[in-house]
Amino acid sequence: MSLFTDKTKDQAIKIILNHYSIACNDRIETLIEDSCRGMNCNCDIKQESCKECDFWADGVKNYQICLQDIKDFKNKYIKESK
């Protein structure tokens, strides 16, 4: 059964954006966990990076940009029903 059965276009978009947000957050957490394995830096890769953790920090930044895009889209186009 489809998640979109009996959903409006706006409701379907909201479902997709929510799923994508969850995936982005999960990927950020995975990158953080992976960056801690075998590295000797103490960077918080959500905020900063060094040469040793640049690869993971760049990935985190990309997913953070995606999350910001989702938030901006929701604020501009998705009206909350009250």
N, C-alpha and C. Protein backbone atom coordinates (compact mmCIF):
# COMPACT_ATOMS: atom_id res chain seq x y z
N MET A 1 0.84 -1.17 0.00
CA MET A 1 0.00 0.00 0.00
C MET A 1 0.89 1.24 0.00
N SER A 2 0.52 2.21 -0.79
CA SER A 2 1.28 3.44 -0.93
C SER A 2 1.06 4.37 0.25
N LEU A 3 2.11 5.07 0.63
CA LEU A 3 1.98 6.09 1.67
C LEU A 3 1.14 7.26 1.21
N PHE A 4 0.94 7.36 -0.09
CA PHE A 4 0.28 8.52 -0.66
C PHE A 4 -1.20 8.30 -0.98
N THR A 5 -1.71 7.13 -0.65
CA THR A 5 -3.13 6.88 -0.87
C THR A 5 -3.95 7.88 -0.09
N ASP A 6 -4.89 8.49 -0.76
CA ASP A 6 -5.79 9.47 -0.15
C ASP A 6 -5.07 10.69 0.42
N LYS A 7 -3.94 11.06 -0.15
CA LYS A 7 -3.19 12.24 0.29
C LYS A 7 -3.28 13.32 -0.77
N THR A 8 -3.28 14.57 -0.32
CA THR A 8 -3.21 15.68 -1.25
C THR A 8 -1.76 15.84 -1.70
N LYS A 9 -1.55 16.65 -2.71
CA LYS A 9 -0.20 16.91 -3.20
C LYS A 9 0.68 17.48 -2.08
N ASP A 10 0.15 18.44 -1.32
CA ASP A 10 0.92 19.03 -0.22
C ASP A 10 1.26 18.01 0.86
N GLN A 11 0.31 17.15 1.17
CA GLN A 11 0.57 16.11 2.17
C GLN A 11 1.64 15.14 1.68
N ALA A 12 1.60 14.78 0.40
CA ALA A 12 2.60 13.87 -0.16
C ALA A 12 3.99 14.50 -0.14
N ILE A 13 4.06 15.78 -0.51
CA ILE A 13 5.34 16.49 -0.48
C ILE A 13 5.89 16.52 0.94
N LYS A 14 5.03 16.78 1.89
CA LYS A 14 5.44 16.83 3.30
C LYS A 14 5.99 15.47 3.76
N ILE A 15 5.35 14.38 3.33
CA ILE A 15 5.81 13.03 3.67
C ILE A 15 7.20 12.78 3.09
N ILE A 16 7.39 13.12 1.82
CA ILE A 16 8.69 12.92 1.18
C ILE A 16 9.77 13.76 1.87
N LEU A 17 9.47 15.01 2.16
CA LEU A 17 10.45 15.88 2.82
C LEU A 17 10.80 15.34 4.21
N ASN A 18 9.83 14.82 4.93
CA ASN A 18 10.08 14.24 6.24
C ASN A 18 11.00 13.03 6.13
N HIS A 19 10.73 12.16 5.16
CA HIS A 19 11.57 10.98 4.97
C HIS A 19 13.00 11.38 4.60
N TYR A 20 13.13 12.38 3.73
CA TYR A 20 14.45 12.85 3.32
C TYR A 20 15.18 13.49 4.50
N SER A 21 14.48 14.22 5.34
CA SER A 21 15.09 14.81 6.54
C SER A 21 15.63 13.73 7.46
N ILE A 22 14.85 12.69 7.67
CA ILE A 22 15.29 11.58 8.52
C ILE A 22 16.54 10.93 7.94
N ALA A 23 16.53 10.69 6.62
CA ALA A 23 17.69 10.08 5.97
C ALA A 23 18.93 10.96 6.10
N CYS A 24 18.77 12.26 5.93
CA CYS A 24 19.91 13.19 6.06
C CYS A 24 20.45 13.18 7.49
N ASN A 25 19.57 13.23 8.47
CA ASN A 25 20.02 13.21 9.87
C ASN A 25 20.72 11.90 10.19
N ASP A 26 20.20 10.77 9.69
CA ASP A 26 20.84 9.48 9.92
C ASP A 26 22.23 9.44 9.28
N ARG A 27 22.34 10.00 8.09
CA ARG A 27 23.63 10.01 7.39
C ARG A 27 24.63 10.89 8.14
N ILE A 28 24.18 12.01 8.66
CA ILE A 28 25.07 12.86 9.46
C ILE A 28 25.60 12.08 10.66
N GLU A 29 24.72 11.38 11.36
CA GLU A 29 25.15 10.61 12.53
C GLU A 29 26.12 9.50 12.14
N THR A 30 25.90 8.86 11.00
CA THR A 30 26.81 7.82 10.52
C THR A 30 28.18 8.42 10.20
N LEU A 31 28.19 9.57 9.53
CA LEU A 31 29.47 10.23 9.23
C LEU A 31 30.23 10.59 10.50
N ILE A 32 29.50 11.05 11.50
CA ILE A 32 30.14 11.40 12.77
C ILE A 32 30.74 10.15 13.42
N GLU A 33 29.98 9.06 13.43
CA GLU A 33 30.48 7.81 14.00
C GLU A 33 31.70 7.32 13.23
N ASP A 34 31.63 7.34 11.89
CA ASP A 34 32.74 6.87 11.06
C ASP A 34 33.98 7.73 11.25
N SER A 35 33.79 9.03 11.44
CA SER A 35 34.94 9.92 11.58
C SER A 35 35.71 9.66 12.87
N CYS A 36 35.04 9.10 13.85
CA CYS A 36 35.68 8.85 15.16
C CYS A 36 36.55 7.60 15.15
N ARG A 37 36.37 6.76 14.17
CA ARG A 37 37.12 5.49 14.13
C ARG A 37 38.53 5.72 13.64
N GLY A 38 39.50 5.48 14.49
CA GLY A 38 40.89 5.52 14.10
C GLY A 38 41.48 6.90 13.85
N MET A 39 40.80 7.94 14.29
CA MET A 39 41.33 9.28 14.09
C MET A 39 41.79 9.85 15.42
N ASN A 40 42.74 10.75 15.33
CA ASN A 40 43.29 11.34 16.54
C ASN A 40 42.90 12.80 16.73
N CYS A 41 41.87 13.26 16.03
CA CYS A 41 41.46 14.65 16.21
C CYS A 41 40.27 14.71 17.17
N ASN A 42 40.02 15.87 17.70
CA ASN A 42 38.90 16.08 18.62
C ASN A 42 37.88 17.06 18.06
N CYS A 43 37.82 17.16 16.74
CA CYS A 43 36.92 18.11 16.11
C CYS A 43 35.46 17.69 16.29
N ASP A 44 34.60 18.68 16.41
CA ASP A 44 33.17 18.45 16.32
C ASP A 44 32.84 18.72 14.85
N ILE A 45 32.73 17.65 14.05
CA ILE A 45 32.64 17.85 12.60
C ILE A 45 31.33 18.51 12.16
N LYS A 46 30.41 18.73 13.09
CA LYS A 46 29.23 19.53 12.75
C LYS A 46 29.58 21.01 12.72
N GLN A 47 30.70 21.37 13.35
CA GLN A 47 31.09 22.77 13.48
C GLN A 47 32.45 23.10 12.87
N GLU A 48 33.38 22.15 12.93
CA GLU A 48 34.76 22.44 12.54
C GLU A 48 35.40 21.18 11.98
N SER A 49 36.57 21.34 11.38
CA SER A 49 37.30 20.18 10.89
C SER A 49 38.78 20.51 10.78
N CYS A 50 39.56 19.46 10.68
CA CYS A 50 41.00 19.58 10.45
C CYS A 50 41.33 18.71 9.23
N LYS A 51 42.61 18.66 8.86
CA LYS A 51 43.00 17.86 7.69
C LYS A 51 42.60 16.39 7.84
N GLU A 52 42.64 15.90 9.07
CA GLU A 52 42.37 14.49 9.30
C GLU A 52 40.88 14.14 9.14
N CYS A 53 39.99 15.08 9.39
CA CYS A 53 38.56 14.76 9.34
C CYS A 53 37.79 15.56 8.29
N ASP A 54 38.50 16.26 7.40
CA ASP A 54 37.86 17.07 6.36
C ASP A 54 36.85 16.28 5.53
N PHE A 55 37.20 15.06 5.16
CA PHE A 55 36.33 14.23 4.32
C PHE A 55 34.96 14.07 4.96
N TRP A 56 34.92 13.71 6.24
CA TRP A 56 33.65 13.49 6.94
C TRP A 56 32.93 14.82 7.18
N ALA A 57 33.68 15.84 7.54
CA ALA A 57 33.08 17.15 7.80
C ALA A 57 32.42 17.72 6.55
N ASP A 58 33.03 17.52 5.39
CA ASP A 58 32.43 17.99 4.13
C ASP A 58 31.10 17.27 3.88
N GLY A 59 31.05 15.99 4.15
CA GLY A 59 29.80 15.24 4.00
C GLY A 59 28.72 15.76 4.93
N VAL A 60 29.10 16.02 6.18
CA VAL A 60 28.15 16.55 7.15
C VAL A 60 27.61 17.90 6.67
N LYS A 61 28.50 18.76 6.19
CA LYS A 61 28.08 20.08 5.71
C LYS A 61 27.09 19.95 4.55
N ASN A 62 27.35 19.02 3.64
CA ASN A 62 26.44 18.82 2.50
C ASN A 62 25.06 18.39 2.97
N TYR A 63 24.99 17.47 3.93
CA TYR A 63 23.69 17.04 4.44
C TYR A 63 23.01 18.14 5.26
N GLN A 64 23.79 18.96 5.95
CA GLN A 64 23.22 20.09 6.67
C GLN A 64 22.60 21.09 5.70
N ILE A 65 23.23 21.28 4.55
CA ILE A 65 22.68 22.16 3.53
C ILE A 65 21.35 21.60 3.02
N CYS A 66 21.30 20.30 2.79
CA CYS A 66 20.05 19.66 2.36
C CYS A 66 18.95 19.88 3.39
N LEU A 67 19.29 19.70 4.66
CA LEU A 67 18.29 19.91 5.72
C LEU A 67 17.81 21.35 5.77
N GLN A 68 18.72 22.30 5.55
CA GLN A 68 18.32 23.71 5.52
C GLN A 68 17.41 23.98 4.32
N ASP A 69 17.73 23.37 3.19
CA ASP A 69 16.88 23.53 2.00
C ASP A 69 15.47 23.01 2.27
N ILE A 70 15.36 21.87 2.94
CA ILE A 70 14.06 21.30 3.28
C ILE A 70 13.29 22.26 4.19
N LYS A 71 13.99 22.76 5.20
CA LYS A 71 13.36 23.70 6.14
C LYS A 71 12.88 24.95 5.41
N ASP A 72 13.72 25.50 4.55
CA ASP A 72 13.35 26.70 3.80
C ASP A 72 12.15 26.44 2.89
N PHE A 73 12.15 25.28 2.22
CA PHE A 73 11.04 24.93 1.33
C PHE A 73 9.74 24.82 2.12
N LYS A 74 9.81 24.13 3.27
CA LYS A 74 8.60 23.99 4.09
C LYS A 74 8.09 25.35 4.55
N ASN A 75 9.00 26.22 4.98
CA ASN A 75 8.60 27.55 5.44
C ASN A 75 7.96 28.38 4.34
N LYS A 76 8.43 28.20 3.12
CA LYS A 76 7.92 29.01 2.03
C LYS A 76 6.67 28.42 1.37
N TYR A 77 6.61 27.10 1.24
CA TYR A 77 5.57 26.50 0.42
C TYR A 77 4.55 25.63 1.15
N ILE A 78 4.89 25.13 2.30
CA ILE A 78 4.00 24.20 2.99
C ILE A 78 3.31 24.96 4.12
N LYS A 79 2.02 25.03 4.04
CA LYS A 79 1.22 25.68 5.08
C LYS A 79 0.77 24.63 6.08
N GLU A 80 1.05 24.88 7.32
CA GLU A 80 0.63 23.96 8.39
C GLU A 80 -0.87 24.09 8.60
N SER A 81 -1.53 22.96 8.68
CA SER A 81 -2.97 23.01 8.98
C SER A 81 -3.14 23.00 10.49
N LYS A 82 -4.02 23.86 10.96
CA LYS A 82 -4.22 23.99 12.41
C LYS A 82 -5.59 23.53 12.79
